[in-house]
Amino acid sequence: MSGWRLAIRHGPQVEHQAFDDLGAAIAELERRAEEIRNEGPLEEISALRPYEPSRRVHARLELSSGRLFRGPEAGVDVMGNGALVPYVGLIRKRELMPQGDQSPFDAVREALQR
């Protein structure tokens, strides 16, 4: 079993990748998030009420340990306006706040190394 699993939920598509090394998994997480951001912003939609792009999730990228029993889990939401929102946990998500010059990807790495 590999060390890390990356799940990419982008629209109706779900893709899974496996990595032996956290550094490689974070690098792919960052590459794919930037690729999705480069698609441009989402449109505002109305479903009972209006949802502006900043309130819509364009894609969710989740990293988890490849362990049989759940280990650390964290990821990044790419919002419809291109903002990156790092978080820790999958069931009880908690937004991470990057410190200083830390990127959202650095915050995810730090959360997974604890």
C-alpha atoms as a PDB file:
ATOM      1  CA  MET A   1       0.000   0.000   0.000  1.00  0.00           C
ATOM      2  CA  SER A   2       1.370   3.438  -0.897  1.00  0.00           C
ATOM      3  CA  GLY A   3       2.065   6.177   1.632  1.00  0.00           C
ATOM      4  CA  TRP A   4      -0.306   8.874   0.314  1.00  0.00           C
ATOM      5  CA  ARG A   5      -3.454   9.035  -1.787  1.00  0.00           C
ATOM      6  CA  LEU A   6      -4.585  12.105  -3.719  1.00  0.00           C
ATOM      7  CA  ALA A   7      -8.277  12.345  -4.638  1.00  0.00           C
ATOM      8  CA  ILE A   8      -9.226  15.059  -7.118  1.00  0.00           C
ATOM      9  CA  ARG A   9     -12.921  15.906  -7.323  1.00  0.00           C
ATOM     10  CA  HIS A  10     -13.409  18.256 -10.262  1.00  0.00           C
ATOM     11  CA  GLY A  11     -16.971  18.610 -11.477  1.00  0.00           C
ATOM     12  CA  PRO A  12     -18.480  15.147 -11.957  1.00  0.00           C
ATOM     13  CA  GLN A  13     -15.042  13.531 -12.326  1.00  0.00           C
ATOM     14  CA  VAL A  14     -13.115  11.868  -9.496  1.00  0.00           C
ATOM     15  CA  GLU A  15      -9.508  10.832  -9.992  1.00  0.00           C
ATOM     16  CA  HIS A  16      -7.227   8.981  -7.557  1.00  0.00           C
ATOM     17  CA  GLN A  17      -3.432   8.850  -7.528  1.00  0.00           C
ATOM     18  CA  ALA A  18      -1.031   7.111  -5.155  1.00  0.00           C
ATOM     19  CA  PHE A  19       2.375   8.351  -3.971  1.00  0.00           C
ATOM     20  CA  ASP A  20       5.075   6.805  -1.810  1.00  0.00           C
ATOM     21  CA  ASP A  21       6.379  10.168  -0.679  1.00  0.00           C
ATOM     22  CA  LEU A  22       4.557  13.181   0.830  1.00  0.00           C
ATOM     23  CA  GLY A  23       6.736  15.644  -1.125  1.00  0.00           C
ATOM     24  CA  ALA A  24       5.674  14.137  -4.464  1.00  0.00           C
ATOM     25  CA  ALA A  25       2.017  14.089  -3.369  1.00  0.00           C
ATOM     26  CA  ILE A  26       2.131  17.781  -2.352  1.00  0.00           C
ATOM     27  CA  ALA A  27       3.864  18.708  -5.631  1.00  0.00           C
ATOM     28  CA  GLU A  28       1.093  17.002  -7.625  1.00  0.00           C
ATOM     29  CA  LEU A  29      -1.574  18.602  -5.407  1.00  0.00           C
ATOM     30  CA  GLU A  30      -0.105  22.018  -6.181  1.00  0.00           C
ATOM     31  CA  ARG A  31       0.314  21.312  -9.905  1.00  0.00           C
ATOM     32  CA  ARG A  32      -3.273  20.122 -10.297  1.00  0.00           C
ATOM     33  CA  ALA A  33      -4.727  22.987  -8.219  1.00  0.00           C
ATOM     34  CA  GLU A  34      -2.905  25.514 -10.413  1.00  0.00           C
ATOM     35  CA  GLU A  35      -4.088  23.701 -13.552  1.00  0.00           C
ATOM     36  CA  ILE A  36      -7.699  23.984 -12.360  1.00  0.00           C
ATOM     37  CA  ARG A  37      -7.281  27.652 -11.393  1.00  0.00           C
ATOM     38  CA  ASN A  38      -6.017  28.356 -14.914  1.00  0.00           C
ATOM     39  CA  GLU A  39      -9.381  27.219 -16.321  1.00  0.00           C
ATOM     40  CA  GLY A  40     -10.727  30.581 -15.165  1.00  0.00           C
ATOM     41  CA  PRO A  41     -13.492  31.583 -12.780  1.00  0.00           C
ATOM     42  CA  LEU A  42     -16.887  29.933 -12.450  1.00  0.00           C
ATOM     43  CA  GLU A  43     -20.064  31.844 -13.232  1.00  0.00           C
ATOM     44  CA  GLU A  44     -22.523  32.961 -10.585  1.00  0.00           C
ATOM     45  CA  ILE A  45     -25.462  30.563 -10.362  1.00  0.00           C
ATOM     46  CA  SER A  46     -28.904  30.790  -8.826  1.00  0.00           C
ATOM     47  CA  ALA A  47     -30.386  27.828  -6.988  1.00  0.00           C
ATOM     48  CA  LEU A  48     -33.050  29.157  -4.609  1.00  0.00           C
ATOM     49  CA  ARG A  49     -30.550  31.973  -3.976  1.00  0.00           C
ATOM     50  CA  PRO A  50     -27.551  33.357  -5.870  1.00  0.00           C
ATOM     51  CA  TYR A  51     -24.136  31.751  -5.375  1.00  0.00           C
ATOM     52  CA  GLU A  52     -21.244  33.955  -6.430  1.00  0.00           C
ATOM     53  CA  PRO A  53     -18.001  32.290  -7.602  1.00  0.00           C
ATOM     54  CA  SER A  54     -16.270  32.838  -4.252  1.00  0.00           C
ATOM     55  CA  ARG A  55     -18.934  30.629  -2.598  1.00  0.00           C
ATOM     56  CA  ARG A  56     -18.695  27.786  -5.152  1.00  0.00           C
ATOM     57  CA  VAL A  57     -16.120  24.985  -4.969  1.00  0.00           C
ATOM     58  CA  HIS A  58     -14.560  24.480  -8.405  1.00  0.00           C
ATOM     59  CA  ALA A  59     -12.554  21.430  -7.293  1.00  0.00           C
ATOM     60  CA  ARG A  60     -11.581  19.625  -4.095  1.00  0.00           C
ATOM     61  CA  LEU A  61      -8.154  18.002  -3.815  1.00  0.00           C
ATOM     62  CA  GLU A  62      -7.720  15.700  -0.801  1.00  0.00           C
ATOM     63  CA  LEU A  63      -4.602  13.985   0.505  1.00  0.00           C
ATOM     64  CA  SER A  64      -4.843  11.078   2.909  1.00  0.00           C
ATOM     65  CA  SER A  65      -2.492   8.473   4.253  1.00  0.00           C
ATOM     66  CA  GLY A  66      -2.696   5.120   2.522  1.00  0.00           C
ATOM     67  CA  ARG A  67      -3.164   3.349   5.856  1.00  0.00           C
ATOM     68  CA  LEU A  68      -5.855   0.784   6.500  1.00  0.00           C
ATOM     69  CA  PHE A  69      -7.108   2.839   9.444  1.00  0.00           C
ATOM     70  CA  ARG A  70      -7.538   6.531   8.787  1.00  0.00           C
ATOM     71  CA  GLY A  71      -4.484   8.649   9.354  1.00  0.00           C
ATOM     72  CA  PRO A  72      -4.034  12.346   8.715  1.00  0.00           C
ATOM     73  CA  GLU A  73      -6.156  13.924   5.977  1.00  0.00           C
ATOM     74  CA  ALA A  74      -5.940  17.409   4.494  1.00  0.00           C
ATOM     75  CA  GLY A  75      -6.431  19.191   1.207  1.00  0.00           C
ATOM     76  CA  VAL A  76      -7.253  22.307  -0.753  1.00  0.00           C
ATOM     77  CA  ASP A  77     -10.537  23.594  -2.152  1.00  0.00           C
ATOM     78  CA  VAL A  78     -10.168  25.578  -5.368  1.00  0.00           C
ATOM     79  CA  MET A  79     -12.979  28.101  -5.181  1.00  0.00           C
ATOM     80  CA  GLY A  80     -14.874  29.464  -8.179  1.00  0.00           C
ATOM     81  CA  ASN A  81     -13.004  32.770  -7.998  1.00  0.00           C
ATOM     82  CA  GLY A  82      -9.601  31.016  -7.967  1.00  0.00           C
ATOM     83  CA  ALA A  83      -9.009  31.314  -4.218  1.00  0.00           C
ATOM     84  CA  LEU A  84      -7.296  28.365  -2.527  1.00  0.00           C
ATOM     85  CA  VAL A  85      -8.714  27.246   0.825  1.00  0.00           C
ATOM     86  CA  PRO A  86      -6.524  24.714   2.677  1.00  0.00           C
ATOM     87  CA  TYR A  87      -8.163  22.474   5.269  1.00  0.00           C
ATOM     88  CA  VAL A  88      -7.459  19.545   7.564  1.00  0.00           C
ATOM     89  CA  GLY A  89      -9.833  16.630   8.165  1.00  0.00           C
ATOM     90  CA  LEU A  90     -12.380  15.187   5.770  1.00  0.00           C
ATOM     91  CA  ILE A  91     -15.419  14.520   7.915  1.00  0.00           C
ATOM     92  CA  ARG A  92     -14.898  17.383  10.366  1.00  0.00           C
ATOM     93  CA  LYS A  93     -13.065  19.856   8.138  1.00  0.00           C
ATOM     94  CA  ARG A  94     -11.209  22.763   9.698  1.00  0.00           C
ATOM     95  CA  GLU A  95      -9.822  25.576   7.556  1.00  0.00           C
ATOM     96  CA  LEU A  96      -6.069  26.042   7.854  1.00  0.00           C
ATOM     97  CA  MET A  97      -4.640  29.548   8.116  1.00  0.00           C
ATOM     98  CA  PRO A  98      -1.213  29.768   6.427  1.00  0.00           C
ATOM     99  CA  GLN A  99       1.266  31.648   8.637  1.00  0.00           C
ATOM    100  CA  GLY A 100       3.585  34.382   7.364  1.00  0.00           C
ATOM    101  CA  ASP A 101       4.785  33.626   3.838  1.00  0.00           C
ATOM    102  CA  GLN A 102       3.463  30.056   3.996  1.00  0.00           C
ATOM    103  CA  SER A 103       1.464  28.922   0.942  1.00  0.00           C
ATOM    104  CA  PRO A 104      -1.781  26.942   1.249  1.00  0.00           C
ATOM    105  CA  PHE A 105       0.249  23.894   0.160  1.00  0.00           C
ATOM    106  CA  ASP A 106       2.824  24.482   2.919  1.00  0.00           C
ATOM    107  CA  ALA A 107      -0.040  24.578   5.440  1.00  0.00           C
ATOM    108  CA  VAL A 108      -1.344  21.227   4.136  1.00  0.00           C
ATOM    109  CA  ARG A 109       2.138  19.702   4.335  1.00  0.00           C
ATOM    110  CA  GLU A 110       2.576  20.923   7.909  1.00  0.00           C
ATOM    111  CA  ALA A 111      -0.837  19.532   8.938  1.00  0.00           C
ATOM    112  CA  LEU A 112      -0.001  16.119   7.452  1.00  0.00           C
ATOM    113  CA  GLN A 113       3.422  15.947   9.128  1.00  0.00           C
ATOM    114  CA  ARG A 114       2.023  16.392  12.652  1.00  0.00           C
END
